[in-house]
Protein backbone atom coordinates (compact mmCIF):
# COMPACT_ATOMS: atom_id res chain seq x y z
CA MET A 1 0.00 0.00 0.00
CA THR A 2 1.05 3.59 -0.61
CA GLU A 3 2.53 5.12 2.54
CA GLY A 4 0.45 7.91 4.05
CA MET A 5 -2.61 7.00 1.99
CA LEU A 6 -4.97 8.19 4.76
CA LYS A 7 -3.32 11.54 5.45
CA ASP A 8 -5.97 14.20 6.25
CA ARG A 9 -8.61 11.54 6.98
CA VAL A 10 -10.32 11.25 10.37
CA ALA A 11 -11.67 7.93 11.62
CA ILE A 12 -13.78 6.67 14.51
CA VAL A 13 -13.06 3.11 15.64
CA THR A 14 -15.33 1.46 18.22
CA GLY A 15 -14.17 -1.29 20.53
CA ALA A 16 -10.77 0.33 20.08
CA ALA A 17 -9.14 -1.07 23.22
CA GLY A 18 -9.80 -4.69 22.25
CA GLY A 19 -7.83 -7.09 20.09
CA PHE A 20 -9.15 -6.06 16.67
CA GLY A 21 -9.69 -2.45 17.69
CA ARG A 22 -6.08 -1.84 18.64
CA VAL A 23 -4.68 -3.21 15.37
CA ILE A 24 -7.26 -1.29 13.33
CA VAL A 25 -6.38 1.95 15.13
CA GLN A 26 -2.68 1.26 14.68
CA GLY A 27 -3.14 0.50 10.98
CA LEU A 28 -5.07 3.72 10.35
CA LEU A 29 -2.55 5.81 12.29
CA ALA A 30 0.33 4.22 10.37
CA GLN A 31 -1.20 5.50 7.14
CA GLY A 32 -1.48 9.07 8.44
CA ALA A 33 -5.08 9.16 9.67
CA ARG A 34 -6.29 10.92 12.78
CA VAL A 35 -8.24 8.47 14.92
CA ALA A 36 -10.84 8.71 17.66
CA ALA A 37 -10.63 5.47 19.64
CA LEU A 38 -13.91 4.66 21.41
CA ASP A 39 -14.38 2.10 24.16
CA VAL A 40 -15.91 1.60 27.61
CA ASP A 41 -12.61 0.16 28.86
CA ASP A 42 -10.79 3.15 30.37
CA VAL A 43 -7.77 1.06 31.37
CA GLY A 44 -7.43 -0.25 27.83
CA LEU A 45 -7.81 3.23 26.35
CA SER A 46 -5.15 4.60 28.70
CA ALA A 47 -2.74 1.89 27.61
CA MET A 48 -3.18 2.73 23.93
CA ARG A 49 -1.27 5.99 23.82
CA PRO A 50 2.16 4.66 24.87
CA ALA A 51 1.61 1.68 22.55
CA MET A 52 0.86 3.92 19.54
CA GLU A 53 4.31 5.44 19.24
CA GLY A 54 4.43 8.61 17.18
CA ALA A 55 0.66 9.15 17.09
CA GLY A 56 0.84 12.37 19.12
CA ASP A 57 -2.29 14.47 18.80
CA ARG A 58 -3.56 12.30 15.94
CA LEU A 59 -4.95 9.85 18.53
CA LEU A 60 -7.98 10.83 20.60
CA THR A 61 -9.39 8.39 23.16
CA ILE A 62 -13.06 8.70 24.11
CA HIS A 63 -14.96 6.75 26.76
CA ALA A 64 -18.26 5.95 25.07
CA ASP A 65 -20.92 3.30 25.55
CA ILE A 66 -22.37 2.95 22.05
CA ALA A 67 -25.55 1.43 23.49
CA ASP A 68 -26.42 5.00 24.54
CA TYR A 69 -27.37 7.20 21.58
CA ALA A 70 -26.49 10.43 23.38
CA GLN A 71 -22.95 9.13 23.91
CA CYS A 72 -22.71 8.25 20.21
CA GLU A 73 -23.72 11.79 19.25
CA ARG A 74 -21.21 13.25 21.70
CA ALA A 75 -18.45 11.03 20.34
CA VAL A 76 -19.12 12.15 16.77
CA ASP A 77 -19.29 15.81 17.80
CA THR A 78 -16.11 15.55 19.88
CA THR A 79 -14.26 13.84 17.04
CA ILE A 80 -15.22 16.50 14.50
CA ARG A 81 -14.37 19.33 16.88
CA SER A 82 -11.09 17.87 18.17
CA LEU A 83 -9.69 16.20 15.07
CA GLY A 84 -11.07 18.51 12.41
CA GLY A 85 -13.59 16.32 10.65
CA LEU A 86 -14.90 12.79 10.16
CA HIS A 87 -14.44 10.55 7.13
CA VAL A 88 -14.36 6.95 8.38
CA LEU A 89 -16.47 4.90 10.80
CA VAL A 90 -15.33 1.41 11.78
CA ASN A 91 -18.05 -0.35 13.76
CA ASN A 92 -15.92 -2.97 15.52
CA ALA A 93 -17.24 -3.00 19.12
CA ALA A 94 -18.91 -6.19 20.30
CA VAL A 95 -19.87 -8.11 23.41
CA GLY A 96 -18.66 -11.71 23.12
CA MET A 97 -20.01 -14.98 24.44
CA GLY A 98 -17.30 -15.07 27.10
CA VAL A 99 -19.26 -12.59 29.22
CA ILE A 100 -21.82 -15.36 29.77
CA ARG A 101 -19.35 -18.17 30.33
CA LYS A 102 -15.71 -18.36 29.28
CA ASP A 103 -15.78 -22.06 28.35
CA HIS A 104 -18.62 -21.54 25.87
CA MET A 105 -16.63 -23.04 22.98
CA VAL A 106 -16.32 -26.44 24.65
CA ASN A 107 -19.48 -26.30 26.79
CA PRO A 108 -22.25 -24.69 24.68
CA ILE A 109 -24.53 -22.11 26.23
CA GLY A 110 -28.24 -22.89 26.20
CA ILE A 111 -31.16 -20.49 26.21
CA ALA A 112 -31.79 -21.03 29.93
CA GLU A 113 -28.44 -19.39 30.72
CA ILE A 114 -29.25 -16.22 28.79
CA SER A 115 -31.13 -13.62 30.82
CA PRO A 116 -33.30 -11.00 29.11
CA ASP A 117 -30.86 -8.34 30.31
CA THR A 118 -27.95 -10.20 28.74
CA TRP A 119 -29.81 -10.57 25.45
CA SER A 120 -30.65 -6.88 25.46
CA ARG A 121 -27.05 -5.86 26.15
CA PHE A 122 -25.74 -7.92 23.22
CA VAL A 123 -28.33 -6.40 20.90
CA ALA A 124 -27.67 -2.89 22.22
CA VAL A 125 -23.90 -3.06 21.59
CA ASN A 126 -23.40 -5.48 18.70
CA PHE A 127 -26.31 -4.32 16.54
CA THR A 128 -28.04 -1.16 17.76
CA GLY A 129 -24.76 0.51 18.72
CA ALA A 130 -23.47 0.25 15.15
CA TRP A 131 -26.72 1.72 13.83
CA GLN A 132 -26.60 4.55 16.35
CA LEU A 133 -23.08 5.61 15.45
CA THR A 134 -23.92 5.34 11.76
CA HIS A 135 -27.02 7.49 12.30
CA ALA A 136 -24.97 10.09 14.16
CA ALA A 137 -22.15 10.14 11.59
CA VAL A 138 -24.02 9.96 8.29
CA PRO A 139 -25.28 13.58 8.09
CA HIS A 140 -21.67 14.80 8.19
CA LEU A 141 -20.53 12.20 5.65
CA LEU A 142 -23.40 13.03 3.30
CA ALA A 143 -22.69 16.74 3.52
CA GLN A 144 -19.09 16.27 2.36
CA ARG A 145 -20.07 13.52 -0.15
CA TRP A 146 -17.27 11.25 1.05
CA GLY A 147 -17.33 8.59 3.73
CA ARG A 148 -16.35 5.08 4.64
CA ILE A 149 -18.34 2.74 6.86
CA VAL A 150 -16.72 -0.60 7.68
CA ASN A 151 -18.67 -3.04 9.84
CA VAL A 152 -17.01 -6.01 11.52
CA THR A 153 -19.38 -8.97 11.56
CA THR A 154 -18.50 -12.68 11.75
CA SER A 155 -18.53 -15.87 9.70
CA PHE A 156 -21.90 -17.14 8.49
CA PHE A 157 -21.19 -20.35 10.41
CA THR A 158 -20.99 -18.42 13.67
CA MET A 159 -24.16 -16.46 12.88
CA LEU A 160 -26.17 -19.65 12.34
CA ARG A 161 -24.63 -22.15 14.75
CA GLY A 162 -26.60 -23.54 17.66
CA SER A 163 -25.91 -22.38 21.20
CA PHE A 164 -24.14 -19.23 20.03
CA HIS A 165 -26.83 -16.75 20.97
CA PRO A 166 -27.01 -13.80 21.36
CA TYR A 167 -23.70 -13.17 19.52
CA GLY A 168 -24.55 -14.93 16.25
CA PRO A 169 -27.96 -13.32 15.65
CA THR A 170 -26.71 -9.82 16.49
CA LYS A 171 -23.88 -10.15 13.97
CA ALA A 172 -26.35 -11.48 11.39
CA GLY A 173 -28.43 -8.36 12.00
CA LEU A 174 -25.37 -6.16 11.48
CA GLU A 175 -24.57 -8.02 8.25
CA ALA A 176 -28.09 -7.43 6.91
CA MET A 177 -27.99 -3.77 7.96
CA SER A 178 -24.69 -3.36 6.13
CA ALA A 179 -26.23 -4.68 2.91
CA GLY A 180 -29.17 -2.29 3.24
CA HIS A 181 -26.97 0.72 3.98
CA ALA A 182 -24.67 -0.07 1.04
CA LYS A 183 -27.73 0.17 -1.23
CA GLU A 184 -29.16 3.23 0.52
CA PHE A 185 -25.95 5.25 0.22
CA GLU A 186 -25.06 4.30 -3.37
CA GLY A 187 -24.10 7.39 -5.33
CA THR A 188 -23.63 9.60 -2.25
CA GLY A 189 -19.87 9.14 -1.88
CA ILE A 190 -20.37 6.88 1.17
CA THR A 191 -19.29 3.26 0.84
CA VAL A 192 -20.32 0.45 3.19
CA ASN A 193 -18.38 -2.79 3.45
CA VAL A 194 -17.95 -5.67 5.89
CA VAL A 195 -14.71 -7.24 7.10
CA VAL A 196 -14.58 -10.52 9.02
CA PRO A 197 -11.57 -12.39 10.38
CA GLY A 198 -12.68 -15.68 8.82
CA GLY A 199 -12.70 -17.82 11.97
CA PRO A 200 -11.77 -17.77 15.67
CA ALA A 201 -9.16 -15.07 16.24
CA ASP A 202 -6.53 -14.46 18.89
CA THR A 203 -8.43 -11.77 20.79
CA PRO A 204 -10.06 -11.59 24.23
CA LEU A 205 -13.39 -12.57 22.61
CA VAL A 206 -11.91 -16.08 22.34
CA PRO A 207 -10.93 -16.80 25.97
CA GLU A 208 -8.19 -19.16 27.08
CA GLU A 209 -10.98 -21.53 28.17
CA SER A 210 -12.06 -21.94 24.53
CA GLY A 211 -9.96 -25.07 24.16
CA PHE A 212 -7.97 -23.67 21.22
CA ARG A 213 -4.22 -23.32 21.15
CA ARG A 214 -3.49 -19.61 20.72
CA GLU A 215 -1.05 -20.33 17.89
CA ASP A 216 -3.88 -21.96 15.91
CA LEU A 217 -6.06 -18.85 16.05
CA ILE A 218 -6.16 -16.15 13.37
CA PRO A 219 -3.87 -13.25 14.35
CA ALA A 220 -5.77 -10.05 15.11
CA SER A 221 -3.37 -8.19 12.82
CA VAL A 222 -5.06 -9.59 9.68
CA MET A 223 -7.89 -7.09 10.11
CA ALA A 224 -5.82 -3.97 9.43
CA PRO A 225 -4.82 -4.32 5.73
CA PRO A 226 -8.33 -4.73 4.24
CA ILE A 227 -9.80 -2.02 6.45
CA VAL A 228 -7.03 0.47 5.68
CA TRP A 229 -7.46 -0.17 1.95
CA LEU A 230 -11.25 0.20 2.11
CA CYS A 231 -10.77 3.58 3.81
CA SER A 232 -8.49 4.88 1.06
CA ASP A 233 -9.16 6.65 -2.23
CA GLU A 234 -8.14 3.44 -4.00
CA ALA A 235 -11.48 1.99 -2.89
CA ASN A 236 -13.66 4.95 -3.88
CA ASP A 237 -16.10 2.83 -5.89
CA VAL A 238 -15.99 -0.26 -3.68
CA THR A 239 -19.21 -0.88 -1.74
CA GLY A 240 -21.51 -3.72 -0.77
CA ASN A 241 -18.74 -6.28 -0.24
CA ARG A 242 -17.52 -8.49 2.58
CA TYR A 243 -13.85 -9.35 2.97
CA VAL A 244 -12.37 -12.37 4.74
CA ALA A 245 -9.29 -10.84 6.35
CA ALA A 246 -7.47 -14.12 6.94
CA GLN A 247 -7.45 -14.65 3.16
CA TRP A 248 -5.95 -11.20 2.37
CA ASP A 249 -2.50 -11.75 0.87
CA VAL A 250 -0.26 -8.84 1.92
CA THR A 251 2.32 -9.82 -0.70
CA MET A 252 -0.10 -8.91 -3.50
CA PRO A 253 -1.14 -5.44 -4.69
CA ALA A 254 -4.07 -4.36 -2.51
CA ALA A 255 -6.67 -4.35 -5.28
CA ARG A 256 -5.77 -7.94 -6.23
CA ALA A 257 -5.71 -9.05 -2.58
CA ALA A 258 -9.18 -7.54 -2.15
CA GLU A 259 -10.54 -9.30 -5.21
CA ALA A 260 -9.23 -12.64 -3.96
CA CYS A 261 -10.99 -12.51 -0.60
CA ARG A 262 -14.25 -10.68 -1.26
CA GLY A 263 -17.87 -11.65 -1.72
CA PRO A 264 -21.21 -9.86 -1.45
CA ILE A 265 -22.52 -8.69 1.91
CA ALA A 266 -25.17 -10.96 3.44
CA TRP A 267 -27.26 -13.34 1.32
CA PRO A 268 -28.26 -11.56 -1.93
CA GLN A 269 -28.89 -14.88 -3.69
CA LEU A 270 -31.83 -15.48 -1.33
CA ALA A 271 -33.47 -12.15 -2.17
CA GLN A 272 -34.10 -12.62 -5.88
CA SER A 273 -37.64 -14.00 -6.06
CA PRO A 274 -39.97 -12.45 -3.49
CA VAL A 275 -43.71 -12.78 -3.95
CA TRP A 276 -44.33 -9.11 -4.64
CA PRO A 277 -47.39 -7.22 -5.90
CA GLY A 278 -46.85 -6.23 -9.51
CA GLY A 279 -43.64 -8.26 -9.89
CA LYS A 280 -40.12 -7.78 -8.56
CA PRO A 281 -39.53 -4.82 -6.18
CA ASP A 282 -36.95 -2.14 -6.84
CA ALA A 283 -33.57 -2.90 -5.30
């Protein structure tokens, strides 16, 4: 990739103190972007600055619970005021199954273990939170006719597997929302794409109790290259795609690496033949 390809761009990254969030923030900073790092983990946010050597005033950390719309609005306003604009939104924050029970990979979680409050929290962060930040950011992106929205979902297997609620369904909702927003914002200068790791990754969302050897997990670092590229001018006309980060070949030119690991967002093949008054609906 061209060095400094994100100079003069401003990004918001949610879940910034976690495994994926930190590498995404680092990747954006390395290409010259200014980044607002959002999280509810104040300790993790505090640890970011010394770890992001050379970032200086290009890194802004913001405590924000994206389940609260007012905090999403404040985060967007603070970012624009403090960093001079907003061009990129990476919806990465998520609550993982480990908050219910850390051995959930080897001892599946049944519906009886999931309280209504737990279900609501997963939905509020993993699904509604992404919509709320998008809603707060989009007026600014539309006004400048340039924006990038990248949503981190998960593999279709994880969305549909048994005993992986509420995580799987909330990520499926985010996937479907991404497809709808990609269509809605076509022609506005805003692109919407999805990036997934491709399988279990070496982050805190996959606890030690998962039963996996850490060396067998996908490195968190795979998420940065496709997201950085999607946020660049090289991807100006790229929207409505999902990218499997573990299949991104960093030895190839970025456009070729993207082509090799992309597919459409969600399940467009299932949406071709609705029973619709007067025939097929408009896309």
